[in-house]
């Protein structure tokens, strides 16, 4: 198994100085803007994955 994914940048200021928060699972602290945020997996979309869907028209 691999480790859980971590955010690469703050969603508020874009800074990369992030550290895990003591608040709980998925919580992060940005030391650039002094904000805390949480990352949470919500689940799969009901429409599912369509391998031929590239966003353009079919040829």
PDB file of N, CA and C in Angstrom:
ATOM      1  N   UNK A   1       0.828  -1.178   0.000  1.00  0.00           N
ATOM      2  CA  UNK A   1       0.000   0.000   0.000  1.00  0.00           C
ATOM      3  C   UNK A   1       0.875   1.245   0.000  1.00  0.00           C
ATOM      4  N   UNK A   2       0.374   2.292  -0.618  1.00  0.00           N
ATOM      5  CA  UNK A   2       1.107   3.549  -0.614  1.00  0.00           C
ATOM      6  C   UNK A   2       0.556   4.468   0.470  1.00  0.00           C
ATOM      7  N   UNK A   3       1.309   5.526   0.766  1.00  0.00           N
ATOM      8  CA  UNK A   3       0.861   6.491   1.752  1.00  0.00           C
ATOM      9  C   UNK A   3      -0.296   7.307   1.183  1.00  0.00           C
ATOM     10  N   UNK A   4      -1.022   7.954   2.045  1.00  0.00           N
ATOM     11  CA  UNK A   4      -2.117   8.820   1.611  1.00  0.00           C
ATOM     12  C   UNK A   4      -1.557  10.034   0.890  1.00  0.00           C
ATOM     13  N   UNK A   5      -2.318  10.546  -0.043  1.00  0.00           N
ATOM     14  CA  UNK A   5      -1.892  11.715  -0.800  1.00  0.00           C
ATOM     15  C   UNK A   5      -1.945  12.958   0.092  1.00  0.00           C
ATOM     16  N   UNK A   6      -0.992  13.828  -0.113  1.00  0.00           N
ATOM     17  CA  UNK A   6      -0.928  15.084   0.626  1.00  0.00           C
ATOM     18  C   UNK A   6      -1.107  16.238  -0.354  1.00  0.00           C
ATOM     19  N   UNK A   7      -1.713  17.339   0.092  1.00  0.00           N
ATOM     20  CA  UNK A   7      -1.851  18.492  -0.798  1.00  0.00           C
ATOM     21  C   UNK A   7      -0.481  19.091  -1.099  1.00  0.00           C
ATOM     22  N   UNK A   8      -0.318  19.613  -2.300  1.00  0.00           N
ATOM     23  CA  UNK A   8       0.947  20.213  -2.705  1.00  0.00           C
ATOM     24  C   UNK A   8       1.001  21.701  -2.404  1.00  0.00           C
ATOM     25  N   UNK A   9      -0.172  22.344  -2.315  1.00  0.00           N
ATOM     26  CA  UNK A   9      -0.201  23.780  -2.061  1.00  0.00           C
ATOM     27  C   UNK A   9      -1.488  24.152  -1.331  1.00  0.00           C
ATOM     28  N   UNK A  10      -1.477  25.300  -0.691  1.00  0.00           N
ATOM     29  CA  UNK A  10      -2.629  25.796   0.050  1.00  0.00           C
ATOM     30  C   UNK A  10      -3.724  26.218  -0.925  1.00  0.00           C
ATOM     31  N   UNK A  11      -4.979  25.802  -0.705  1.00  0.00           N
ATOM     32  CA  UNK A  11      -6.059  26.203  -1.604  1.00  0.00           C
ATOM     33  C   UNK A  11      -6.436  27.685  -1.468  1.00  0.00           C
ATOM     34  N   UNK A  12      -5.943  28.364  -0.457  1.00  0.00           N
ATOM     35  CA  UNK A  12      -6.267  29.770  -0.229  1.00  0.00           C
ATOM     36  C   UNK A  12      -5.210  30.720  -0.797  1.00  0.00           C
ATOM     37  N   UNK A  13      -3.926  30.451  -0.513  1.00  0.00           N
ATOM     38  CA  UNK A  13      -2.876  31.382  -0.938  1.00  0.00           C
ATOM     39  C   UNK A  13      -1.906  30.787  -1.945  1.00  0.00           C
ATOM     40  N   UNK A  14      -1.924  29.470  -2.127  1.00  0.00           N
ATOM     41  CA  UNK A  14      -1.035  28.829  -3.084  1.00  0.00           C
ATOM     42  C   UNK A  14       0.345  28.519  -2.543  1.00  0.00           C
ATOM     43  N   UNK A  15       0.615  28.831  -1.290  1.00  0.00           N
ATOM     44  CA  UNK A  15       1.925  28.568  -0.693  1.00  0.00           C
ATOM     45  C   UNK A  15       2.137  27.060  -0.530  1.00  0.00           C
ATOM     46  N   UNK A  16       3.379  26.641  -0.511  1.00  0.00           N
ATOM     47  CA  UNK A  16       3.707  25.223  -0.386  1.00  0.00           C
ATOM     48  C   UNK A  16       4.203  24.848   1.006  1.00  0.00           C
ATOM     49  N   UNK A  17       4.165  25.780   1.955  1.00  0.00           N
ATOM     50  CA  UNK A  17       4.631  25.529   3.318  1.00  0.00           C
ATOM     51  C   UNK A  17       3.497  24.944   4.154  1.00  0.00           C
ATOM     52  N   UNK A  18       3.176  23.686   3.889  1.00  0.00           N
ATOM     53  CA  UNK A  18       2.078  22.994   4.562  1.00  0.00           C
ATOM     54  C   UNK A  18       2.615  21.966   5.540  1.00  0.00           C
ATOM     55  N   UNK A  19       1.893  21.824   6.647  1.00  0.00           N
ATOM     56  CA  UNK A  19       2.263  20.822   7.641  1.00  0.00           C
ATOM     57  C   UNK A  19       0.998  20.170   8.167  1.00  0.00           C
ATOM     58  N   UNK A  20       1.066  18.881   8.506  1.00  0.00           N
ATOM     59  CA  UNK A  20      -0.122  18.221   9.065  1.00  0.00           C
ATOM     60  C   UNK A  20      -0.553  18.909  10.363  1.00  0.00           C
ATOM     61  N   UNK A  21      -1.845  19.030  10.568  1.00  0.00           N
ATOM     62  CA  UNK A  21      -2.381  19.660  11.765  1.00  0.00           C
ATOM     63  C   UNK A  21      -2.642  18.607  12.830  1.00  0.00           C
ATOM     64  N   UNK A  22      -2.626  19.036  14.058  1.00  0.00           N
ATOM     65  CA  UNK A  22      -2.928  18.132  15.176  1.00  0.00           C
ATOM     66  C   UNK A  22      -4.432  17.965  15.364  1.00  0.00           C
ATOM     67  N   UNK A  23      -5.236  18.671  14.568  1.00  0.00           N
ATOM     68  CA  UNK A  23      -6.694  18.645  14.708  1.00  0.00           C
ATOM     69  C   UNK A  23      -7.307  17.312  14.306  1.00  0.00           C
ATOM     70  N   UNK A  24      -6.638  16.536  13.485  1.00  0.00           N
ATOM     71  CA  UNK A  24      -7.210  15.250  13.108  1.00  0.00           C
ATOM     72  C   UNK A  24      -6.805  14.837  11.709  1.00  0.00           C
ATOM     73  N   UNK A  25      -7.367  13.721  11.276  1.00  0.00           N
ATOM     74  CA  UNK A  25      -7.045  13.140   9.978  1.00  0.00           C
ATOM     75  C   UNK A  25      -7.444  14.073   8.836  1.00  0.00           C
ATOM     76  N   UNK A  26      -6.524  14.322   7.934  1.00  0.00           N
ATOM     77  CA  UNK A  26      -6.811  15.136   6.765  1.00  0.00           C
ATOM     78  C   UNK A  26      -6.720  16.629   6.996  1.00  0.00           C
ATOM     79  N   UNK A  27      -6.339  17.059   8.193  1.00  0.00           N
ATOM     80  CA  UNK A  27      -6.240  18.481   8.494  1.00  0.00           C
ATOM     81  C   UNK A  27      -4.809  18.973   8.239  1.00  0.00           C
ATOM     82  N   UNK A  28      -4.702  20.148   7.632  1.00  0.00           N
ATOM     83  CA  UNK A  28      -3.410  20.736   7.276  1.00  0.00           C
ATOM     84  C   UNK A  28      -3.349  22.182   7.707  1.00  0.00           C
ATOM     85  N   UNK A  29      -2.138  22.658   8.002  1.00  0.00           N
ATOM     86  CA  UNK A  29      -1.905  24.048   8.357  1.00  0.00           C
ATOM     87  C   UNK A  29      -0.997  24.675   7.317  1.00  0.00           C
ATOM     88  N   UNK A  30      -1.361  25.878   6.869  1.00  0.00           N
ATOM     89  CA  UNK A  30      -0.521  26.628   5.945  1.00  0.00           C
ATOM     90  C   UNK A  30       0.219  27.682   6.753  1.00  0.00           C
ATOM     91  N   UNK A  31       1.529  27.645   6.712  1.00  0.00           N
ATOM     92  CA  UNK A  31       2.322  28.614   7.457  1.00  0.00           C
ATOM     93  C   UNK A  31       2.590  29.869   6.636  1.00  0.00           C
ATOM     94  N   UNK A  32       2.091  29.895   5.406  1.00  0.00           N
ATOM     95  CA  UNK A  32       2.195  31.090   4.583  1.00  0.00           C
ATOM     96  C   UNK A  32       1.095  32.092   4.896  1.00  0.00           C
ATOM     97  N   UNK A  33      -0.149  31.606   5.042  1.00  0.00           N
ATOM     98  CA  UNK A  33      -1.285  32.502   5.300  1.00  0.00           C
ATOM     99  C   UNK A  33      -1.921  32.255   6.666  1.00  0.00           C
ATOM    100  N   UNK A  34      -1.362  31.314   7.422  1.00  0.00           N
ATOM    101  CA  UNK A  34      -1.829  31.015   8.779  1.00  0.00           C
ATOM    102  C   UNK A  34      -3.267  30.502   8.806  1.00  0.00           C
ATOM    103  N   UNK A  35      -3.638  29.711   7.797  1.00  0.00           N
ATOM    104  CA  UNK A  35      -4.969  29.109   7.744  1.00  0.00           C
ATOM    105  C   UNK A  35      -4.858  27.607   7.940  1.00  0.00           C
ATOM    106  N   UNK A  36      -5.949  27.019   8.375  1.00  0.00           N
ATOM    107  CA  UNK A  36      -6.033  25.571   8.498  1.00  0.00           C
ATOM    108  C   UNK A  36      -7.172  25.101   7.602  1.00  0.00           C
ATOM    109  N   UNK A  37      -6.992  23.924   6.993  1.00  0.00           N
ATOM    110  CA  UNK A  37      -8.031  23.366   6.136  1.00  0.00           C
ATOM    111  C   UNK A  37      -7.987  21.856   6.242  1.00  0.00           C
ATOM    112  N   UNK A  38      -9.031  21.219   5.740  1.00  0.00           N
ATOM    113  CA  UNK A  38      -9.128  19.766   5.813  1.00  0.00           C
ATOM    114  C   UNK A  38      -9.385  19.192   4.429  1.00  0.00           C
ATOM    115  N   UNK A  39      -8.739  18.081   4.146  1.00  0.00           N
ATOM    116  CA  UNK A  39      -8.930  17.362   2.886  1.00  0.00           C
ATOM    117  C   UNK A  39      -9.760  16.123   3.200  1.00  0.00           C
ATOM    118  N   UNK A  40     -10.846  15.952   2.419  1.00  0.00           N
ATOM    119  CA  UNK A  40     -11.738  14.827   2.688  1.00  0.00           C
ATOM    120  C   UNK A  40     -12.157  14.172   1.379  1.00  0.00           C
ATOM    121  N   UNK A  41     -12.062  12.869   1.315  1.00  0.00           N
ATOM    122  CA  UNK A  41     -12.503  12.099   0.160  1.00  0.00           C
ATOM    123  C   UNK A  41     -14.005  11.890   0.281  1.00  0.00           C
ATOM    124  N   UNK A  42     -14.746  12.289  -0.740  1.00  0.00           N
ATOM    125  CA  UNK A  42     -16.201  12.169  -0.697  1.00  0.00           C
ATOM    126  C   UNK A  42     -16.723  10.894  -1.333  1.00  0.00           C
ATOM    127  N   UNK A  43     -16.024  10.348  -2.332  1.00  0.00           N
ATOM    128  CA  UNK A  43     -16.472   9.125  -2.977  1.00  0.00           C
ATOM    129  C   UNK A  43     -16.416   9.243  -4.480  1.00  0.00           C
ATOM    130  N   UNK A  44     -16.822   8.194  -5.153  1.00  0.00           N
ATOM    131  CA  UNK A  44     -16.823   8.177  -6.612  1.00  0.00           C
ATOM    132  C   UNK A  44     -18.065   8.864  -7.150  1.00  0.00           C
ATOM    133  N   UNK A  45     -17.944   9.460  -8.306  1.00  0.00           N
ATOM    134  CA  UNK A  45     -19.093  10.076  -8.956  1.00  0.00           C
ATOM    135  C   UNK A  45     -20.001   8.995  -9.529  1.00  0.00           C
ATOM    136  N   UNK A  46     -21.279   9.246  -9.568  1.00  0.00           N
ATOM    137  CA  UNK A  46     -22.225   8.235 -10.038  1.00  0.00           C
ATOM    138  C   UNK A  46     -22.096   7.977 -11.532  1.00  0.00           C
ATOM    139  N   UNK A  47     -21.610   8.962 -12.290  1.00  0.00           N
ATOM    140  CA  UNK A  47     -21.490   8.757 -13.732  1.00  0.00           C
ATOM    141  C   UNK A  47     -20.338   7.809 -14.079  1.00  0.00           C
ATOM    142  N   UNK A  48     -19.427   7.589 -13.142  1.00  0.00           N
ATOM    143  CA  UNK A  48     -18.349   6.641 -13.354  1.00  0.00           C
ATOM    144  C   UNK A  48     -17.297   7.110 -14.334  1.00  0.00           C
ATOM    145  N   UNK A  49     -16.402   6.220 -14.665  1.00  0.00           N
ATOM    146  CA  UNK A  49     -15.290   6.506 -15.567  1.00  0.00           C
ATOM    147  C   UNK A  49     -15.619   6.015 -16.961  1.00  0.00           C
ATOM    148  N   UNK A  50     -15.422   6.887 -17.945  1.00  0.00           N
ATOM    149  CA  UNK A  50     -15.635   6.522 -19.334  1.00  0.00           C
ATOM    150  C   UNK A  50     -14.308   6.687 -20.069  1.00  0.00           C
ATOM    151  N   UNK A  51     -13.625   5.600 -20.423  1.00  0.00           N
ATOM    152  CA  UNK A  51     -12.293   5.700 -21.005  1.00  0.00           C
ATOM    153  C   UNK A  51     -12.228   6.462 -22.320  1.00  0.00           C
ATOM    154  N   UNK A  52     -13.317   6.552 -23.083  1.00  0.00           N
ATOM    155  CA  UNK A  52     -13.294   7.267 -24.369  1.00  0.00           C
ATOM    156  C   UNK A  52     -13.684   8.723 -24.228  1.00  0.00           C
ATOM    157  N   UNK A  53     -13.986   9.165 -23.006  1.00  0.00           N
ATOM    158  CA  UNK A  53     -14.401  10.551 -22.788  1.00  0.00           C
ATOM    159  C   UNK A  53     -13.163  11.423 -22.589  1.00  0.00           C
ATOM    160  N   UNK A  54     -12.794  12.172 -23.634  1.00  0.00           N
ATOM    161  CA  UNK A  54     -11.625  13.050 -23.562  1.00  0.00           C
ATOM    162  C   UNK A  54     -12.031  14.500 -23.490  1.00  0.00           C
ATOM    163  N   UNK A  55     -13.307  14.775 -23.407  1.00  0.00           N
ATOM    164  CA  UNK A  55     -13.785  16.134 -23.330  1.00  0.00           C
ATOM    165  C   UNK A  55     -14.075  16.746 -24.687  1.00  0.00           C
ATOM    166  N   UNK A  56     -13.686  16.085 -25.750  1.00  0.00           N
ATOM    167  CA  UNK A  56     -13.925  16.592 -27.090  1.00  0.00           C
ATOM    168  C   UNK A  56     -14.919  15.719 -27.827  1.00  0.00           C
ATOM    169  N   UNK A  57     -15.132  16.035 -29.067  1.00  0.00           N
ATOM    170  CA  UNK A  57     -16.066  15.238 -29.870  1.00  0.00           C
ATOM    171  C   UNK A  57     -15.401  13.956 -30.368  1.00  0.00           C
ATOM    172  N   UNK A  58     -16.192  12.935 -30.534  1.00  0.00           N
ATOM    173  CA  UNK A  58     -15.684  11.673 -31.068  1.00  0.00           C
ATOM    174  C   UNK A  58     -15.382  11.816 -32.568  1.00  0.00           C
ATOM    175  N   UNK A  59     -14.325  11.178 -32.970  1.00  0.00           N
ATOM    176  CA  UNK A  59     -13.932  11.218 -34.398  1.00  0.00           C
ATOM    177  C   UNK A  59     -14.283   9.911 -35.060  1.00  0.00           C
TER     178      UNK A  59
END
